[in-house]
Amino acid sequence: TTTTTTTTTTTAVSTDSAGTPPPLPPAQPEAGSTEAEGPGVPSTCASPEGIFPGHLAGASIPYRDSAEGERNFWGPIDASAFSVRIGPNYSRNRQKAPSGPAIGRTMGVDLFRTPHKVEHLYPQLRLPPEMQVEGGHLLVLNVMLPGYAPSLWQKVWDGPGHSFVVYAVLSAEVLAQAKEATSGHLELLWRFLNAEKEPNPAKVYERMKIIGRLANPSEVDLHTAERTLISKYNGKPVLTRPQHKVYHGGNYTEVDVDVHIFGLIGRKGVHGFLPRLGDMILDFAFVLEAHTDEELPEVVLMCMQCHKFDTDSARSWY
């Protein structure tokens, strides 16, 4: 059973270190492969007329520990590279500190070229063995990026673009600890995974935020206005509300972030940066925002480093 929640409101204890590399997924399924498929997904890849594509999750962007000078791969970054809220009384003291170890272990990254927004990806994917953890839970973040020019007079909020997808595993041990937690980041995680039981699920879903950081600004050809923007916002968290939807299944949670409906300035920024992704090293972390001392300190949910992605060679969804 899958539940869907659309948020329209205005908007660590870990068994795996964030710096531990996961197994490298194969570039494509091997002949005779027995990777499990997402629920209800046929084994054939086909067209948008109703048959799911069936891509192998995490296979479009390779993993590298480090590869100086190479392009189009993702790699590990320690969660301590990101500053997060700490107590006491953050609302007054505004103090931040490096995050503890990431709660989840990042297992794969994809970049798909899409003719339109593709929502709720998980049921349309096949999972490699490393994403099937007994008793664990898979987190899927699907950031839908528009590829068409933004306009102040825009009336259509869909079209060609890309889906940037990140997969992370929460271990059975982490889930057990979260279930028993009565405070802290693990209790907040358990509330997020079970938000449909909350009196107001949107109040929990709106805690999701992204921290993005351009790690090599000196290597990227940026205009003066863009450098000012980077200087001001680089490494600062951004709440995904209200432009997101959350889907829950028995062993997964997917968050779809719809950049197509961001404000004009946000869409202009994305449209300007996308053609230059091939020059950028980008660090990303996903965090649940803490509001009270009982929920502090924040801890990174999952994180990764993206090395000079080539949007022109992104895998076609269909």
Protein backbone atom coordinates (compact mmCIF):
# COMPACT_ATOMS: atom_id res chain seq x y z
CA THR A 1 0.00 0.00 0.00
CA THR A 2 1.28 3.45 -0.88
CA THR A 3 0.06 6.68 0.65
CA THR A 4 0.55 10.04 -1.01
CA THR A 5 0.68 13.38 0.74
CA THR A 6 0.83 16.70 -1.07
CA THR A 7 1.96 19.56 1.12
CA THR A 8 0.57 22.91 0.14
CA THR A 9 1.13 24.76 3.38
CA THR A 10 3.58 27.63 3.43
CA THR A 11 5.76 25.63 3.81
CA ALA A 12 23.28 10.33 14.97
CA VAL A 13 23.33 6.96 15.78
CA SER A 14 24.21 5.16 12.58
CA THR A 15 25.56 1.78 11.61
CA ASP A 16 27.09 3.24 8.45
CA SER A 17 29.50 6.17 8.25
CA ALA A 18 28.68 8.81 5.66
CA GLY A 19 32.23 8.48 4.38
CA THR A 20 32.00 4.70 3.82
CA PRO A 21 31.61 4.01 0.11
CA PRO A 22 28.70 1.81 -0.92
CA PRO A 23 29.17 -0.95 -3.47
CA LEU A 24 29.42 0.38 -7.01
CA PRO A 25 26.21 -0.42 -8.90
CA PRO A 26 26.68 -1.95 -12.35
CA ALA A 27 26.40 0.45 -15.27
CA GLN A 28 23.51 -1.65 -16.55
CA PRO A 29 21.77 -4.89 -15.58
CA GLU A 30 23.79 -7.94 -16.54
CA ALA A 31 22.29 -10.74 -18.59
CA GLY A 32 20.30 -13.05 -16.36
CA SER A 33 20.23 -10.45 -13.57
CA THR A 34 17.81 -11.16 -10.72
CA GLU A 35 17.66 -7.67 -9.15
CA ALA A 36 14.31 -7.14 -7.46
CA GLU A 37 11.92 -4.84 -9.19
CA GLY A 38 9.83 -2.12 -7.61
CA PRO A 39 6.29 -3.14 -6.71
CA GLY A 40 4.13 -3.74 -9.74
CA VAL A 41 6.85 -2.90 -12.24
CA PRO A 42 6.93 -5.02 -15.41
CA SER A 43 10.34 -6.19 -16.58
CA THR A 44 10.11 -4.41 -19.92
CA CYS A 45 11.06 -0.78 -20.48
CA ALA A 46 8.74 1.08 -22.79
CA SER A 47 6.94 4.29 -23.60
CA PRO A 48 4.96 6.88 -21.65
CA GLU A 49 1.72 5.26 -22.72
CA GLY A 50 1.47 3.28 -19.51
CA ILE A 51 4.37 0.82 -19.18
CA PHE A 52 6.91 1.78 -16.53
CA PRO A 53 10.53 2.31 -17.64
CA GLY A 54 12.06 -0.11 -15.10
CA HIS A 55 15.48 1.57 -14.77
CA LEU A 56 17.98 0.05 -12.36
CA ALA A 57 18.19 2.54 -9.47
CA GLY A 58 21.55 4.26 -9.16
CA ALA A 59 22.96 2.92 -12.45
CA SER A 60 23.07 6.14 -14.50
CA ILE A 61 25.74 7.96 -12.45
CA PRO A 62 28.80 5.93 -11.34
CA TYR A 63 30.28 6.02 -7.85
CA ARG A 64 33.94 6.95 -7.24
CA ASP A 65 35.88 7.25 -3.99
CA SER A 66 37.97 9.93 -5.63
CA ALA A 67 38.91 10.53 -9.23
CA GLU A 68 40.88 13.71 -9.73
CA GLY A 69 40.03 15.30 -13.05
CA GLU A 70 37.24 12.85 -13.90
CA ARG A 71 33.69 13.95 -14.60
CA ASN A 72 30.12 12.76 -14.22
CA PHE A 73 30.31 10.71 -11.00
CA TRP A 74 29.24 10.99 -7.40
CA GLY A 75 31.23 10.28 -4.27
CA PRO A 76 31.16 10.39 -0.48
CA ILE A 77 31.37 13.44 1.71
CA ASP A 78 31.40 13.38 5.49
CA ALA A 79 28.31 14.76 7.17
CA SER A 80 30.55 16.95 9.35
CA ALA A 81 31.16 19.10 6.26
CA PHE A 82 27.68 20.57 6.82
CA SER A 83 26.76 22.94 9.64
CA VAL A 84 23.45 22.21 11.35
CA ARG A 85 21.42 23.64 14.22
CA ILE A 86 22.45 22.93 17.80
CA GLY A 87 20.98 23.83 21.18
CA PRO A 88 20.24 25.13 23.58
CA ASN A 89 17.64 27.66 22.45
CA TYR A 90 18.56 27.84 18.77
CA SER A 91 15.83 30.38 18.08
CA ARG A 92 17.70 32.87 20.26
CA ASN A 93 21.36 31.78 20.00
CA ARG A 94 21.36 30.82 16.29
CA GLN A 95 24.32 28.49 16.83
CA LYS A 96 25.38 25.82 14.36
CA ALA A 97 28.05 23.13 14.42
CA PRO A 98 29.27 20.30 12.15
CA SER A 99 26.75 17.47 11.89
CA GLY A 100 27.31 14.10 13.50
CA PRO A 101 27.48 10.99 11.27
CA ALA A 102 24.69 10.81 8.69
CA ILE A 103 21.64 8.83 9.77
CA GLY A 104 21.28 7.09 6.40
CA ARG A 105 23.83 5.67 4.02
CA THR A 106 23.74 7.10 0.50
CA MET A 107 23.64 4.19 -1.95
CA GLY A 108 23.13 5.72 -5.37
CA VAL A 109 22.47 8.78 -7.51
CA ASP A 110 20.69 9.13 -10.85
CA LEU A 111 20.23 11.92 -13.36
CA PHE A 112 17.40 11.28 -15.80
CA ARG A 113 16.42 13.39 -18.81
CA THR A 114 12.64 13.67 -18.79
CA PRO A 115 10.07 14.98 -21.31
CA HIS A 116 7.93 16.14 -18.40
CA LYS A 117 7.83 15.89 -14.62
CA VAL A 118 8.09 12.28 -13.46
CA GLU A 119 6.55 11.92 -10.01
CA HIS A 120 6.69 8.94 -7.65
CA LEU A 121 9.66 7.21 -9.23
CA TYR A 122 10.10 4.35 -6.79
CA PRO A 123 7.44 1.97 -8.15
CA GLN A 124 8.92 2.48 -11.62
CA LEU A 125 12.45 1.33 -10.69
CA ARG A 126 14.29 -1.95 -10.20
CA LEU A 127 16.43 -2.12 -7.06
CA PRO A 128 20.00 -3.45 -6.98
CA PRO A 129 20.81 -5.78 -4.05
CA GLU A 130 22.60 -3.11 -2.01
CA MET A 131 19.37 -1.10 -1.76
CA GLN A 132 17.43 -4.09 -0.42
CA VAL A 133 18.28 -4.18 3.29
CA GLU A 134 16.35 -6.63 5.40
CA GLY A 135 14.35 -4.73 7.96
CA GLY A 136 15.63 -1.43 6.57
CA HIS A 137 13.94 1.49 4.84
CA LEU A 138 14.86 3.19 1.55
CA LEU A 139 14.73 6.97 1.26
CA VAL A 140 14.30 8.37 -2.25
CA LEU A 141 14.73 12.08 -3.01
CA ASN A 142 13.53 13.08 -6.48
CA VAL A 143 14.35 16.69 -7.39
CA MET A 144 12.52 17.60 -10.61
CA LEU A 145 14.40 20.31 -12.53
CA PRO A 146 12.85 22.30 -15.42
CA GLY A 147 14.87 22.53 -18.60
CA TYR A 148 12.84 25.30 -20.23
CA ALA A 149 13.30 29.05 -19.77
CA PRO A 150 11.36 30.57 -16.85
CA SER A 151 8.93 33.40 -17.45
CA LEU A 152 7.11 35.88 -15.28
CA TRP A 153 3.97 35.17 -17.32
CA GLN A 154 4.33 31.41 -17.17
CA LYS A 155 1.04 29.51 -17.11
CA VAL A 156 2.27 25.97 -17.76
CA TRP A 157 4.24 24.38 -14.91
CA ASP A 158 5.54 21.30 -16.66
CA GLY A 159 7.79 20.43 -19.58
CA PRO A 160 11.18 18.94 -20.49
CA GLY A 161 13.81 18.75 -17.77
CA HIS A 162 15.73 16.41 -15.50
CA SER A 163 15.17 14.36 -12.36
CA PHE A 164 18.08 14.34 -9.90
CA VAL A 165 17.47 11.30 -7.70
CA VAL A 166 19.28 10.23 -4.52
CA TYR A 167 18.83 6.91 -2.71
CA ALA A 168 19.80 6.23 0.91
CA VAL A 169 19.24 3.26 3.20
CA LEU A 170 18.15 3.47 6.82
CA SER A 171 19.37 0.32 8.57
CA ALA A 172 17.13 -1.91 10.70
CA GLU A 173 19.12 -0.80 13.75
CA VAL A 174 18.51 2.87 13.06
CA LEU A 175 14.79 2.21 12.56
CA ALA A 176 14.60 0.31 15.85
CA GLN A 177 16.34 3.13 17.71
CA ALA A 178 14.12 5.74 16.05
CA LYS A 179 10.99 3.84 17.04
CA GLU A 180 12.03 3.87 20.70
CA ALA A 181 13.37 7.44 20.73
CA THR A 182 11.44 9.98 22.78
CA SER A 183 13.49 13.02 21.73
CA GLY A 184 16.26 14.09 19.38
CA HIS A 185 16.82 13.67 15.66
CA LEU A 186 15.80 9.99 15.63
CA GLU A 187 12.42 10.74 17.21
CA LEU A 188 11.90 13.44 14.55
CA LEU A 189 12.87 10.93 11.84
CA TRP A 190 10.32 8.41 13.16
CA ARG A 191 7.62 11.09 13.12
CA PHE A 192 8.52 11.95 9.51
CA LEU A 193 8.35 8.31 8.39
CA ASN A 194 4.98 7.92 10.16
CA ALA A 195 3.58 11.40 9.60
CA GLU A 196 0.20 10.09 8.44
CA LYS A 197 -0.47 9.21 12.09
CA GLU A 198 0.13 12.84 13.13
CA PRO A 199 -2.80 15.24 13.67
CA ASN A 200 -1.32 17.45 10.94
CA PRO A 201 1.11 15.50 8.70
CA ALA A 202 2.07 18.62 6.73
CA LYS A 203 3.61 20.13 9.86
CA VAL A 204 6.10 17.26 9.91
CA TYR A 205 6.68 17.02 6.16
CA GLU A 206 7.54 20.71 5.98
CA ARG A 207 10.68 20.04 8.06
CA MET A 208 12.59 18.63 5.06
CA LYS A 209 15.37 20.91 3.82
CA ILE A 210 18.28 20.74 1.39
CA ILE A 211 21.76 22.12 1.95
CA GLY A 212 23.54 22.75 -1.35
CA ARG A 213 27.07 24.03 -1.73
CA LEU A 214 29.22 24.81 -4.76
CA ALA A 215 32.62 23.44 -3.74
CA ASN A 216 34.66 24.92 -6.61
CA PRO A 217 33.32 28.44 -7.36
CA SER A 218 36.71 29.64 -8.61
CA GLU A 219 36.59 27.06 -11.45
CA VAL A 220 33.14 28.06 -12.70
CA ASP A 221 32.46 30.95 -15.06
CA LEU A 222 29.97 32.96 -13.01
CA HIS A 223 28.51 36.39 -13.71
CA THR A 224 28.81 39.05 -11.01
CA ALA A 225 25.19 38.60 -9.93
CA GLU A 226 25.66 34.83 -9.72
CA ARG A 227 28.80 35.20 -7.62
CA THR A 228 26.89 37.48 -5.27
CA LEU A 229 24.11 34.88 -5.06
CA ILE A 230 26.60 32.08 -4.37
CA SER A 231 28.40 34.15 -1.75
CA LYS A 232 25.13 34.83 0.06
CA TYR A 233 23.46 31.42 -0.11
CA ASN A 234 26.22 28.84 -0.62
CA GLY A 235 25.84 26.12 2.02
CA LYS A 236 22.62 27.62 3.43
CA PRO A 237 19.63 25.29 3.98
CA VAL A 238 16.46 25.67 1.90
CA LEU A 239 13.13 24.20 2.99
CA THR A 240 11.49 22.15 0.23
CA ARG A 241 8.00 23.25 1.29
CA PRO A 242 5.52 23.84 -0.18
CA GLN A 243 6.77 22.51 -3.52
CA HIS A 244 7.00 18.85 -2.56
CA LYS A 245 5.00 15.64 -2.30
CA VAL A 246 5.71 12.73 0.04
CA TYR A 247 4.95 9.09 -0.77
CA HIS A 248 5.12 6.20 1.69
CA GLY A 249 5.26 2.48 0.97
CA GLY A 250 5.90 -0.48 3.21
CA ASN A 251 9.69 -0.21 2.96
CA TYR A 252 10.33 3.19 1.40
CA THR A 253 9.62 6.90 1.61
CA GLU A 254 9.96 9.16 -1.43
CA VAL A 255 10.08 12.95 -1.38
CA ASP A 256 9.50 14.68 -4.73
CA VAL A 257 10.73 18.28 -4.88
CA ASP A 258 9.12 20.20 -7.74
CA VAL A 259 11.46 22.98 -8.89
CA HIS A 260 9.07 23.59 -11.83
CA ILE A 261 6.83 25.51 -9.43
CA PHE A 262 9.53 27.39 -7.50
CA GLY A 263 9.43 31.18 -7.52
CA LEU A 264 10.76 33.02 -10.56
CA ILE A 265 14.16 33.84 -9.00
CA GLY A 266 14.70 30.22 -8.00
CA ARG A 267 13.77 28.94 -11.45
CA LYS A 268 16.02 31.50 -13.12
CA GLY A 269 18.92 30.41 -10.93
CA VAL A 270 18.42 26.74 -11.79
CA HIS A 271 18.02 27.51 -15.49
CA GLY A 272 21.26 29.49 -15.49
CA PHE A 273 23.29 26.89 -13.59
CA LEU A 274 22.10 23.71 -15.36
CA PRO A 275 24.17 24.19 -18.55
CA ARG A 276 27.27 24.59 -16.36
CA LEU A 277 26.80 21.53 -14.17
CA GLY A 278 29.66 20.00 -16.14
CA ASP A 279 32.02 22.48 -14.45
CA MET A 280 30.62 22.21 -10.93
CA ILE A 281 31.45 20.11 -7.89
CA LEU A 282 28.34 20.24 -5.73
CA ASP A 283 27.87 19.03 -2.15
CA PHE A 284 24.35 18.13 -1.03
CA ALA A 285 22.83 17.18 2.30
CA PHE A 286 19.24 16.54 3.32
CA VAL A 287 18.16 17.39 6.87
CA LEU A 288 14.97 17.41 8.95
CA GLU A 289 14.66 20.81 10.59
CA ALA A 290 14.60 20.84 14.40
CA HIS A 291 12.45 23.44 16.17
CA THR A 292 12.88 22.70 19.88
CA ASP A 293 15.71 21.83 22.26
CA GLU A 294 14.23 18.33 22.52
CA GLU A 295 14.77 17.83 18.78
CA LEU A 296 18.30 19.32 18.71
CA PRO A 297 20.98 18.89 17.55
CA GLU A 298 20.09 18.35 13.92
CA VAL A 299 21.84 15.52 12.11
CA VAL A 300 22.26 15.10 8.36
CA LEU A 301 19.87 12.51 6.94
CA MET A 302 22.00 11.73 3.87
CA CYS A 303 24.69 13.48 1.87
CA MET A 304 26.85 13.14 -1.24
CA GLN A 305 29.23 15.03 -3.54
CA CYS A 306 28.39 15.39 -7.24
CA HIS A 307 31.28 15.82 -9.66
CA LYS A 308 30.68 17.74 -12.88
CA PHE A 309 27.49 16.07 -14.08
CA ASP A 310 26.94 16.05 -17.83
CA THR A 311 23.29 16.90 -18.47
CA ASP A 312 23.66 16.21 -22.20
CA SER A 313 24.48 12.55 -21.53
CA ALA A 314 21.86 12.08 -18.81
CA ARG A 315 19.93 8.84 -19.20
CA SER A 316 16.59 9.27 -20.94
CA TRP A 317 13.66 8.28 -18.74
CA TYR A 318 11.69 6.84 -21.69
